């Protein structure tokens, strides 16, 4: 049996480090390219699409890609490429708004818990546990009964689900900052909890919040697609990727592209956000750099 010499060990560690940095940079680059491309398509749909996404052409229904338009037509003769473009904007806008609301509320709860502790921490964490136990689909169904299905219901349901996620991450990171010497010195100088949170806690946990936002955006895209698939998302005729998948079920044998294309769009978007989040985590988190 051969034994790895100390010099070989020293050479292997830098090689592993270089490989890890290359992988993280690759994730960041590929994720940025995917999200940048999908975001550009979504923005383009606001000013131009090949055809109006709601235009019906019954005589041209179920035409395969390139035979009628770039990506074919659906069961009502609507242009699939146009629907995918507008669906990108609808799906991304819902996900971004929901995650922004959830991140703001969750971060506020997390830093408050870290600053107050005691009974307030116990109550808020138990409330987060209750919210976290309810899947966003179930939350959307309950909200739909109260508010009606639509864009607002989808945003609120996803945002509510995001609050405990960000609250846990923020509270954990903020508690570590509160134990630092410079925070103890600030408290000794007479700074209050709000001032310490704004001056010291939030700047030192911002990187972790940014990474969490990126990762949760991918989950929000999946959740929005699931809600739309069940009819709890945006109301027709506004196209979304999830509703396109739902409409394609009946025609899987005759027109498989109707399911493949929106499914591929969802998969690439989620993959892009996950790779972007992994790359940002390796780039911004000092602990990951050390490893």
C-alpha atoms as a PDB file:
ATOM      1  CA  UNK A   1       0.000   0.000   0.000  1.00  0.00           C
ATOM      2  CA  UNK A   2       1.352   3.403  -0.971  1.00  0.00           C
ATOM      3  CA  UNK A   3       1.273   6.271   1.536  1.00  0.00           C
ATOM      4  CA  UNK A   4       0.720   9.844   0.424  1.00  0.00           C
ATOM      5  CA  UNK A   5       3.803  11.864   1.309  1.00  0.00           C
ATOM      6  CA  UNK A   6       3.420  15.197   3.129  1.00  0.00           C
ATOM      7  CA  UNK A   7       4.592  17.050   0.034  1.00  0.00           C
ATOM      8  CA  UNK A   8       1.938  15.260  -2.040  1.00  0.00           C
ATOM      9  CA  UNK A   9      -0.691  16.273   0.520  1.00  0.00           C
ATOM     10  CA  UNK A  10       0.368  19.908   0.270  1.00  0.00           C
ATOM     11  CA  UNK A  11       0.142  19.714  -3.518  1.00  0.00           C
ATOM     12  CA  UNK A  12      -3.267  18.006  -3.443  1.00  0.00           C
ATOM     13  CA  UNK A  13      -4.863  20.660  -1.214  1.00  0.00           C
ATOM     14  CA  UNK A  14      -4.176  23.607  -3.564  1.00  0.00           C
ATOM     15  CA  UNK A  15      -5.337  21.505  -6.508  1.00  0.00           C
ATOM     16  CA  UNK A  16      -8.622  20.746  -4.744  1.00  0.00           C
ATOM     17  CA  UNK A  17      -8.967  24.430  -3.873  1.00  0.00           C
ATOM     18  CA  UNK A  18      -8.412  25.465  -7.477  1.00  0.00           C
ATOM     19  CA  UNK A  19     -10.943  22.886  -8.635  1.00  0.00           C
ATOM     20  CA  UNK A  20     -13.522  24.156  -6.115  1.00  0.00           C
ATOM     21  CA  UNK A  21     -12.975  27.767  -7.206  1.00  0.00           C
ATOM     22  CA  UNK A  22     -13.302  26.784 -10.861  1.00  0.00           C
ATOM     23  CA  UNK A  23     -16.566  24.953 -10.170  1.00  0.00           C
ATOM     24  CA  UNK A  24     -17.989  27.881  -8.170  1.00  0.00           C
ATOM     25  CA  UNK A  25     -17.027  30.362 -10.878  1.00  0.00           C
ATOM     26  CA  UNK A  26     -18.540  28.072 -13.496  1.00  0.00           C
ATOM     27  CA  UNK A  27     -21.782  27.876 -11.525  1.00  0.00           C
ATOM     28  CA  UNK A  28     -21.858  31.644 -11.170  1.00  0.00           C
ATOM     29  CA  UNK A  29     -21.159  32.195 -14.857  1.00  0.00           C
ATOM     30  CA  UNK A  30     -23.632  29.620 -16.179  1.00  0.00           C
ATOM     31  CA  UNK A  31     -26.318  30.670 -13.714  1.00  0.00           C
ATOM     32  CA  UNK A  32     -25.871  34.329 -14.601  1.00  0.00           C
ATOM     33  CA  UNK A  33     -26.076  33.568 -18.321  1.00  0.00           C
ATOM     34  CA  UNK A  34     -29.232  31.460 -17.946  1.00  0.00           C
ATOM     35  CA  UNK A  35     -31.042  33.978 -15.752  1.00  0.00           C
ATOM     36  CA  UNK A  36     -29.826  36.890 -17.867  1.00  0.00           C
ATOM     37  CA  UNK A  37     -31.139  35.238 -21.043  1.00  0.00           C
ATOM     38  CA  UNK A  38     -34.517  34.329 -19.516  1.00  0.00           C
ATOM     39  CA  UNK A  39     -34.827  37.792 -17.966  1.00  0.00           C
ATOM     40  CA  UNK A  40     -34.045  39.422 -21.306  1.00  0.00           C
ATOM     41  CA  UNK A  41     -36.743  37.326 -23.010  1.00  0.00           C
ATOM     42  CA  UNK A  42     -39.219  38.285 -20.286  1.00  0.00           C
ATOM     43  CA  UNK A  43     -38.453  42.005 -20.718  1.00  0.00           C
ATOM     44  CA  UNK A  44     -38.623  41.693 -24.499  1.00  0.00           C
ATOM     45  CA  UNK A  45     -42.139  40.261 -24.199  1.00  0.00           C
ATOM     46  CA  UNK A  46     -43.300  43.591 -22.758  1.00  0.00           C
ATOM     47  CA  UNK A  47     -42.630  45.352 -26.070  1.00  0.00           C
ATOM     48  CA  UNK A  48     -42.610  42.583 -28.725  1.00  0.00           C
ATOM     49  CA  UNK A  49     -43.780  39.022 -29.326  1.00  0.00           C
ATOM     50  CA  UNK A  50     -43.995  37.169 -32.670  1.00  0.00           C
ATOM     51  CA  UNK A  51     -47.808  37.193 -32.377  1.00  0.00           C
ATOM     52  CA  UNK A  52     -50.249  38.383 -29.730  1.00  0.00           C
ATOM     53  CA  UNK A  53     -50.187  35.526 -27.170  1.00  0.00           C
ATOM     54  CA  UNK A  54     -53.986  35.444 -26.965  1.00  0.00           C
ATOM     55  CA  UNK A  55     -54.612  35.385 -30.719  1.00  0.00           C
ATOM     56  CA  UNK A  56     -56.706  32.339 -31.660  1.00  0.00           C
ATOM     57  CA  UNK A  57     -56.095  30.545 -34.973  1.00  0.00           C
ATOM     58  CA  UNK A  58     -58.225  27.425 -34.742  1.00  0.00           C
ATOM     59  CA  UNK A  59     -57.395  26.335 -38.268  1.00  0.00           C
ATOM     60  CA  UNK A  60     -53.693  26.320 -37.319  1.00  0.00           C
ATOM     61  CA  UNK A  61     -54.045  24.390 -34.063  1.00  0.00           C
ATOM     62  CA  UNK A  62     -51.462  21.807 -32.938  1.00  0.00           C
ATOM     63  CA  UNK A  63     -48.970  22.719 -35.635  1.00  0.00           C
ATOM     64  CA  UNK A  64     -45.457  21.447 -34.787  1.00  0.00           C
ATOM     65  CA  UNK A  65     -42.468  23.777 -34.413  1.00  0.00           C
ATOM     66  CA  UNK A  66     -41.257  25.498 -37.601  1.00  0.00           C
ATOM     67  CA  UNK A  67     -44.421  24.502 -39.486  1.00  0.00           C
ATOM     68  CA  UNK A  68     -46.370  27.370 -37.940  1.00  0.00           C
ATOM     69  CA  UNK A  69     -44.227  29.858 -36.118  1.00  0.00           C
ATOM     70  CA  UNK A  70     -40.932  29.097 -34.424  1.00  0.00           C
ATOM     71  CA  UNK A  71     -42.268  26.733 -31.743  1.00  0.00           C
ATOM     72  CA  UNK A  72     -45.613  25.693 -33.207  1.00  0.00           C
ATOM     73  CA  UNK A  73     -49.125  26.314 -31.923  1.00  0.00           C
ATOM     74  CA  UNK A  74     -51.303  24.954 -29.129  1.00  0.00           C
ATOM     75  CA  UNK A  75     -54.786  23.418 -29.165  1.00  0.00           C
ATOM     76  CA  UNK A  76     -56.349  26.843 -29.799  1.00  0.00           C
ATOM     77  CA  UNK A  77     -53.876  27.871 -32.470  1.00  0.00           C
ATOM     78  CA  UNK A  78     -52.034  30.295 -30.195  1.00  0.00           C
ATOM     79  CA  UNK A  79     -48.353  30.877 -30.899  1.00  0.00           C
ATOM     80  CA  UNK A  80     -46.316  28.857 -28.374  1.00  0.00           C
ATOM     81  CA  UNK A  81     -43.217  31.081 -28.626  1.00  0.00           C
ATOM     82  CA  UNK A  82     -45.251  34.180 -27.769  1.00  0.00           C
ATOM     83  CA  UNK A  83     -46.922  32.400 -24.862  1.00  0.00           C
ATOM     84  CA  UNK A  84     -43.561  31.236 -23.503  1.00  0.00           C
ATOM     85  CA  UNK A  85     -42.181  34.782 -23.684  1.00  0.00           C
ATOM     86  CA  UNK A  86     -45.145  36.328 -21.884  1.00  0.00           C
ATOM     87  CA  UNK A  87     -45.218  33.392 -19.475  1.00  0.00           C
ATOM     88  CA  UNK A  88     -41.596  34.125 -18.583  1.00  0.00           C
ATOM     89  CA  UNK A  89     -42.551  37.652 -17.519  1.00  0.00           C
ATOM     90  CA  UNK A  90     -45.613  36.487 -15.584  1.00  0.00           C
ATOM     91  CA  UNK A  91     -43.757  33.711 -13.782  1.00  0.00           C
ATOM     92  CA  UNK A  92     -40.650  35.773 -12.997  1.00  0.00           C
ATOM     93  CA  UNK A  93     -42.586  38.834 -11.854  1.00  0.00           C
ATOM     94  CA  UNK A  94     -44.717  36.776  -9.446  1.00  0.00           C
ATOM     95  CA  UNK A  95     -41.639  34.983  -8.087  1.00  0.00           C
ATOM     96  CA  UNK A  96     -39.604  38.174  -7.650  1.00  0.00           C
ATOM     97  CA  UNK A  97     -42.421  40.071  -5.929  1.00  0.00           C
ATOM     98  CA  UNK A  98     -43.229  37.151  -3.636  1.00  0.00           C
ATOM     99  CA  UNK A  99     -39.607  36.550  -2.633  1.00  0.00           C
ATOM    100  CA  UNK A 100     -39.021  40.288  -2.102  1.00  0.00           C
ATOM    101  CA  UNK A 101     -42.030  40.476   0.241  1.00  0.00           C
ATOM    102  CA  UNK A 102     -41.043  37.289   2.055  1.00  0.00           C
ATOM    103  CA  UNK A 103     -37.402  38.376   2.365  1.00  0.00           C
ATOM    104  CA  UNK A 104     -38.343  41.777   3.777  1.00  0.00           C
ATOM    105  CA  UNK A 105     -40.779  40.386   6.347  1.00  0.00           C
ATOM    106  CA  UNK A 106     -38.566  37.417   7.244  1.00  0.00           C
ATOM    107  CA  UNK A 107     -35.451  39.559   7.624  1.00  0.00           C
ATOM    108  CA  UNK A 108     -37.353  41.990   9.839  1.00  0.00           C
ATOM    109  CA  UNK A 109     -38.537  39.123  12.043  1.00  0.00           C
ATOM    110  CA  UNK A 110     -35.070  37.535  12.140  1.00  0.00           C
ATOM    111  CA  UNK A 111     -33.128  40.632  13.195  1.00  0.00           C
ATOM    112  CA  UNK A 112     -35.805  41.517  15.740  1.00  0.00           C
ATOM    113  CA  UNK A 113     -35.612  38.031  17.243  1.00  0.00           C
ATOM    114  CA  UNK A 114     -31.813  38.298  17.479  1.00  0.00           C
ATOM    115  CA  UNK A 115     -32.043  41.695  19.143  1.00  0.00           C
ATOM    116  CA  UNK A 116     -34.879  40.940  21.585  1.00  0.00           C
ATOM    117  CA  UNK A 117     -34.416  37.234  22.441  1.00  0.00           C
ATOM    118  CA  UNK A 118     -36.375  35.797  25.372  1.00  0.00           C
ATOM    119  CA  UNK A 119     -40.139  35.323  25.119  1.00  0.00           C
ATOM    120  CA  UNK A 120     -40.324  37.241  21.825  1.00  0.00           C
ATOM    121  CA  UNK A 121     -37.915  34.784  20.197  1.00  0.00           C
ATOM    122  CA  UNK A 122     -39.910  31.799  21.447  1.00  0.00           C
ATOM    123  CA  UNK A 123     -43.231  33.164  20.168  1.00  0.00           C
ATOM    124  CA  UNK A 124     -41.920  34.209  16.743  1.00  0.00           C
ATOM    125  CA  UNK A 125     -40.048  30.974  16.131  1.00  0.00           C
ATOM    126  CA  UNK A 126     -43.111  28.890  17.037  1.00  0.00           C
ATOM    127  CA  UNK A 127     -45.237  31.034  14.727  1.00  0.00           C
ATOM    128  CA  UNK A 128     -42.688  30.459  11.969  1.00  0.00           C
ATOM    129  CA  UNK A 129     -42.881  26.723  12.602  1.00  0.00           C
ATOM    130  CA  UNK A 130     -46.654  26.820  12.134  1.00  0.00           C
ATOM    131  CA  UNK A 131     -46.397  28.779   8.862  1.00  0.00           C
ATOM    132  CA  UNK A 132     -43.575  26.573   7.602  1.00  0.00           C
ATOM    133  CA  UNK A 133     -45.698  23.476   8.228  1.00  0.00           C
ATOM    134  CA  UNK A 134     -48.314  24.686   5.713  1.00  0.00           C
ATOM    135  CA  UNK A 135     -47.288  23.998   2.090  1.00  0.00           C
ATOM    136  CA  UNK A 136     -47.714  26.984  -0.246  1.00  0.00           C
ATOM    137  CA  UNK A 137     -50.233  25.023  -2.334  1.00  0.00           C
ATOM    138  CA  UNK A 138     -52.479  24.586   0.717  1.00  0.00           C
ATOM    139  CA  UNK A 139     -51.982  28.250   1.667  1.00  0.00           C
ATOM    140  CA  UNK A 140     -52.997  29.289  -1.854  1.00  0.00           C
ATOM    141  CA  UNK A 141     -56.131  27.149  -1.689  1.00  0.00           C
ATOM    142  CA  UNK A 142     -57.168  28.764   1.590  1.00  0.00           C
ATOM    143  CA  UNK A 143     -56.349  32.249   0.322  1.00  0.00           C
ATOM    144  CA  UNK A 144     -58.166  31.493  -2.918  1.00  0.00           C
ATOM    145  CA  UNK A 145     -61.307  30.740  -0.941  1.00  0.00           C
ATOM    146  CA  UNK A 146     -60.982  34.141   0.775  1.00  0.00           C
ATOM    147  CA  UNK A 147     -59.536  36.370  -1.945  1.00  0.00           C
ATOM    148  CA  UNK A 148     -60.278  34.501  -5.167  1.00  0.00           C
ATOM    149  CA  UNK A 149     -57.678  32.924  -7.423  1.00  0.00           C
ATOM    150  CA  UNK A 150     -55.299  35.129  -9.356  1.00  0.00           C
ATOM    151  CA  UNK A 151     -51.953  36.877  -9.345  1.00  0.00           C
ATOM    152  CA  UNK A 152     -52.424  38.460  -5.920  1.00  0.00           C
ATOM    153  CA  UNK A 153     -53.278  35.127  -4.303  1.00  0.00           C
ATOM    154  CA  UNK A 154     -50.208  33.438  -5.797  1.00  0.00           C
ATOM    155  CA  UNK A 155     -47.892  36.235  -4.638  1.00  0.00           C
ATOM    156  CA  UNK A 156     -49.272  36.271  -1.087  1.00  0.00           C
ATOM    157  CA  UNK A 157     -49.199  32.467  -0.778  1.00  0.00           C
ATOM    158  CA  UNK A 158     -45.560  32.230  -1.903  1.00  0.00           C
ATOM    159  CA  UNK A 159     -44.525  35.249   0.200  1.00  0.00           C
ATOM    160  CA  UNK A 160     -46.090  33.800   3.354  1.00  0.00           C
ATOM    161  CA  UNK A 161     -44.206  30.551   2.779  1.00  0.00           C
ATOM    162  CA  UNK A 162     -40.927  32.477   2.357  1.00  0.00           C
ATOM    163  CA  UNK A 163     -41.188  34.434   5.633  1.00  0.00           C
ATOM    164  CA  UNK A 164     -40.121  31.613   8.013  1.00  0.00           C
ATOM    165  CA  UNK A 165     -37.287  30.602   5.674  1.00  0.00           C
ATOM    166  CA  UNK A 166     -35.730  34.061   5.769  1.00  0.00           C
ATOM    167  CA  UNK A 167     -36.553  34.491   9.454  1.00  0.00           C
ATOM    168  CA  UNK A 168     -34.584  31.365  10.365  1.00  0.00           C
ATOM    169  CA  UNK A 169     -31.592  32.221   8.181  1.00  0.00           C
ATOM    170  CA  UNK A 170     -31.497  35.840   9.334  1.00  0.00           C
ATOM    171  CA  UNK A 171     -31.937  35.045  13.024  1.00  0.00           C
ATOM    172  CA  UNK A 172     -29.172  32.448  12.955  1.00  0.00           C
ATOM    173  CA  UNK A 173     -26.725  34.778  11.183  1.00  0.00           C
ATOM    174  CA  UNK A 174     -27.692  37.800  13.299  1.00  0.00           C
ATOM    175  CA  UNK A 175     -27.188  35.899  16.564  1.00  0.00           C
ATOM    176  CA  UNK A 176     -23.619  35.161  15.523  1.00  0.00           C
ATOM    177  CA  UNK A 177     -22.993  38.842  14.819  1.00  0.00           C
ATOM    178  CA  UNK A 178     -24.464  39.877  18.172  1.00  0.00           C
ATOM    179  CA  UNK A 179     -21.787  37.785  19.903  1.00  0.00           C
ATOM    180  CA  UNK A 180     -18.917  39.618  18.196  1.00  0.00           C
ATOM    181  CA  UNK A 181     -16.584  41.884  20.142  1.00  0.00           C
ATOM    182  CA  UNK A 182     -17.378  44.973  18.093  1.00  0.00           C
ATOM    183  CA  UNK A 183     -21.088  44.584  18.846  1.00  0.00           C
ATOM    184  CA  UNK A 184     -20.332  44.207  22.556  1.00  0.00           C
ATOM    185  CA  UNK A 185     -18.214  47.343  22.317  1.00  0.00           C
ATOM    186  CA  UNK A 186     -21.065  49.184  20.595  1.00  0.00           C
ATOM    187  CA  UNK A 187     -23.449  48.143  23.348  1.00  0.00           C
ATOM    188  CA  UNK A 188     -20.962  49.336  25.918  1.00  0.00           C
ATOM    189  CA  UNK A 189     -20.810  52.683  24.121  1.00  0.00           C
ATOM    190  CA  UNK A 190     -24.542  53.089  24.643  1.00  0.00           C
ATOM    191  CA  UNK A 191     -25.905  52.142  21.217  1.00  0.00           C
ATOM    192  CA  UNK A 192     -29.430  50.754  21.210  1.00  0.00           C
ATOM    193  CA  UNK A 193     -30.636  47.583  19.565  1.00  0.00           C
ATOM    194  CA  UNK A 194     -32.012  49.309  16.455  1.00  0.00           C
ATOM    195  CA  UNK A 195     -28.813  51.275  15.886  1.00  0.00           C
ATOM    196  CA  UNK A 196     -26.645  48.183  16.317  1.00  0.00           C
ATOM    197  CA  UNK A 197     -28.877  46.212  13.950  1.00  0.00           C
ATOM    198  CA  UNK A 198     -28.659  48.883  11.243  1.00  0.00           C
ATOM    199  CA  UNK A 199     -24.957  49.718  11.675  1.00  0.00           C
ATOM    200  CA  UNK A 200     -23.460  46.310  12.392  1.00  0.00           C
ATOM    201  CA  UNK A 201     -25.840  43.368  12.031  1.00  0.00           C
ATOM    202  CA  UNK A 202     -27.475  43.964   8.647  1.00  0.00           C
ATOM    203  CA  UNK A 203     -24.237  44.863   6.793  1.00  0.00           C
ATOM    204  CA  UNK A 204     -22.600  41.670   8.070  1.00  0.00           C
ATOM    205  CA  UNK A 205     -25.453  39.331   7.131  1.00  0.00           C
ATOM    206  CA  UNK A 206     -26.380  40.969   3.808  1.00  0.00           C
ATOM    207  CA  UNK A 207     -24.343  38.428   1.824  1.00  0.00           C
ATOM    208  CA  UNK A 208     -26.220  35.491   3.314  1.00  0.00           C
ATOM    209  CA  UNK A 209     -29.569  37.158   2.648  1.00  0.00           C
ATOM    210  CA  UNK A 210     -28.623  37.799  -0.990  1.00  0.00           C
ATOM    211  CA  UNK A 211     -27.635  34.168  -1.488  1.00  0.00           C
ATOM    212  CA  UNK A 212     -30.850  32.982   0.146  1.00  0.00           C
ATOM    213  CA  UNK A 213     -32.925  35.287  -2.077  1.00  0.00           C
ATOM    214  CA  UNK A 214     -31.321  33.807  -5.180  1.00  0.00           C
ATOM    215  CA  UNK A 215     -31.943  30.225  -4.090  1.00  0.00           C
ATOM    216  CA  UNK A 216     -35.530  30.931  -3.013  1.00  0.00           C
ATOM    217  CA  UNK A 217     -36.307  32.486  -6.391  1.00  0.00           C
ATOM    218  CA  UNK A 218     -35.853  29.067  -7.955  1.00  0.00           C
ATOM    219  CA  UNK A 219     -38.232  27.548  -5.416  1.00  0.00           C
ATOM    220  CA  UNK A 220     -40.717  30.366  -6.043  1.00  0.00           C
ATOM    221  CA  UNK A 221     -40.695  29.622  -9.786  1.00  0.00           C
ATOM    222  CA  UNK A 222     -41.526  25.979  -9.059  1.00  0.00           C
ATOM    223  CA  UNK A 223     -44.257  26.954  -6.608  1.00  0.00           C
ATOM    224  CA  UNK A 224     -45.812  29.436  -9.024  1.00  0.00           C
ATOM    225  CA  UNK A 225     -45.819  26.789 -11.751  1.00  0.00           C
ATOM    226  CA  UNK A 226     -47.545  24.364  -9.388  1.00  0.00           C
ATOM    227  CA  UNK A 227     -50.178  26.934  -8.442  1.00  0.00           C
ATOM    228  CA  UNK A 228     -50.834  27.774 -12.094  1.00  0.00           C
ATOM    229  CA  UNK A 229     -51.013  24.075 -12.940  1.00  0.00           C
ATOM    230  CA  UNK A 230     -53.791  23.703 -10.357  1.00  0.00           C
ATOM    231  CA  UNK A 231     -55.585  26.819 -11.578  1.00  0.00           C
ATOM    232  CA  UNK A 232     -54.631  28.938  -8.534  1.00  0.00           C
ATOM    233  CA  UNK A 233     -52.277  31.292 -10.351  1.00  0.00           C
ATOM    234  CA  UNK A 234     -52.971  34.084 -12.807  1.00  0.00           C
ATOM    235  CA  UNK A 235     -56.421  33.995 -14.355  1.00  0.00           C
ATOM    236  CA  UNK A 236     -56.786  32.997 -18.035  1.00  0.00           C
ATOM    237  CA  UNK A 237     -56.087  34.042 -20.712  1.00  0.00           C
ATOM    238  CA  UNK A 238     -52.793  35.340 -19.256  1.00  0.00           C
ATOM    239  CA  UNK A 239     -50.242  32.631 -20.128  1.00  0.00           C
ATOM    240  CA  UNK A 240     -48.015  31.076 -17.484  1.00  0.00           C
ATOM    241  CA  UNK A 241     -45.689  28.122 -17.770  1.00  0.00           C
ATOM    242  CA  UNK A 242     -47.670  26.081 -15.244  1.00  0.00           C
ATOM    243  CA  UNK A 243     -50.979  26.564 -17.074  1.00  0.00           C
ATOM    244  CA  UNK A 244     -49.311  25.676 -20.371  1.00  0.00           C
ATOM    245  CA  UNK A 245     -48.282  22.367 -18.788  1.00  0.00           C
ATOM    246  CA  UNK A 246     -51.801  21.797 -17.521  1.00  0.00           C
ATOM    247  CA  UNK A 247     -53.320  22.501 -20.948  1.00  0.00           C
ATOM    248  CA  UNK A 248     -50.815  20.177 -22.623  1.00  0.00           C
ATOM    249  CA  UNK A 249     -51.876  17.070 -20.666  1.00  0.00           C
ATOM    250  CA  UNK A 250     -54.653  16.166 -23.094  1.00  0.00           C
ATOM    251  CA  UNK A 251     -52.381  16.440 -26.134  1.00  0.00           C
ATOM    252  CA  UNK A 252     -49.212  14.671 -24.958  1.00  0.00           C
ATOM    253  CA  UNK A 253     -49.532  12.006 -27.638  1.00  0.00           C
ATOM    254  CA  UNK A 254     -50.317  14.373 -30.537  1.00  0.00           C
ATOM    255  CA  UNK A 255     -48.278  17.438 -29.538  1.00  0.00           C
ATOM    256  CA  UNK A 256     -45.573  16.593 -26.969  1.00  0.00           C
ATOM    257  CA  UNK A 257     -43.814  19.919 -27.541  1.00  0.00           C
ATOM    258  CA  UNK A 258     -46.655  21.668 -25.710  1.00  0.00           C
ATOM    259  CA  UNK A 259     -45.451  20.040 -22.473  1.00  0.00           C
ATOM    260  CA  UNK A 260     -41.741  19.796 -23.257  1.00  0.00           C
ATOM    261  CA  UNK A 261     -41.196  23.493 -23.976  1.00  0.00           C
ATOM    262  CA  UNK A 262     -42.725  25.040 -20.819  1.00  0.00           C
ATOM    263  CA  UNK A 263     -41.261  22.202 -18.738  1.00  0.00           C
ATOM    264  CA  UNK A 264     -37.840  22.958 -20.165  1.00  0.00           C
ATOM    265  CA  UNK A 265     -38.314  26.667 -19.455  1.00  0.00           C
ATOM    266  CA  UNK A 266     -39.159  25.944 -15.808  1.00  0.00           C
ATOM    267  CA  UNK A 267     -36.242  23.517 -15.432  1.00  0.00           C
ATOM    268  CA  UNK A 268     -33.701  25.923 -16.941  1.00  0.00           C
ATOM    269  CA  UNK A 269     -34.911  28.825 -14.817  1.00  0.00           C
ATOM    270  CA  UNK A 270     -34.740  26.825 -11.590  1.00  0.00           C
ATOM    271  CA  UNK A 271     -31.336  25.444 -12.584  1.00  0.00           C
ATOM    272  CA  UNK A 272     -30.095  28.947 -13.353  1.00  0.00           C
ATOM    273  CA  UNK A 273     -31.187  30.339  -9.983  1.00  0.00           C
ATOM    274  CA  UNK A 274     -29.705  27.357  -8.118  1.00  0.00           C
ATOM    275  CA  UNK A 275     -26.361  27.628  -9.908  1.00  0.00           C
ATOM    276  CA  UNK A 276     -26.337  31.389  -9.401  1.00  0.00           C
ATOM    277  CA  UNK A 277     -27.071  30.919  -5.700  1.00  0.00           C
ATOM    278  CA  UNK A 278     -24.300  28.319  -5.323  1.00  0.00           C
ATOM    279  CA  UNK A 279     -21.826  30.566  -7.110  1.00  0.00           C
ATOM    280  CA  UNK A 280     -22.751  33.605  -5.015  1.00  0.00           C
ATOM    281  CA  UNK A 281     -22.506  31.579  -1.815  1.00  0.00           C
ATOM    282  CA  UNK A 282     -18.972  30.470  -2.674  1.00  0.00           C
ATOM    283  CA  UNK A 283     -18.070  33.993  -3.724  1.00  0.00           C
ATOM    284  CA  UNK A 284     -19.575  35.927  -0.808  1.00  0.00           C
ATOM    285  CA  UNK A 285     -19.361  33.541   2.150  1.00  0.00           C
ATOM    286  CA  UNK A 286     -15.892  33.702   3.775  1.00  0.00           C
ATOM    287  CA  UNK A 287     -16.438  30.316   5.436  1.00  0.00           C
ATOM    288  CA  UNK A 288     -16.870  28.670   2.029  1.00  0.00           C
ATOM    289  CA  UNK A 289     -13.675  30.338   0.819  1.00  0.00           C
ATOM    290  CA  UNK A 290     -11.826  28.949   3.789  1.00  0.00           C
ATOM    291  CA  UNK A 291     -13.002  25.447   3.080  1.00  0.00           C
END
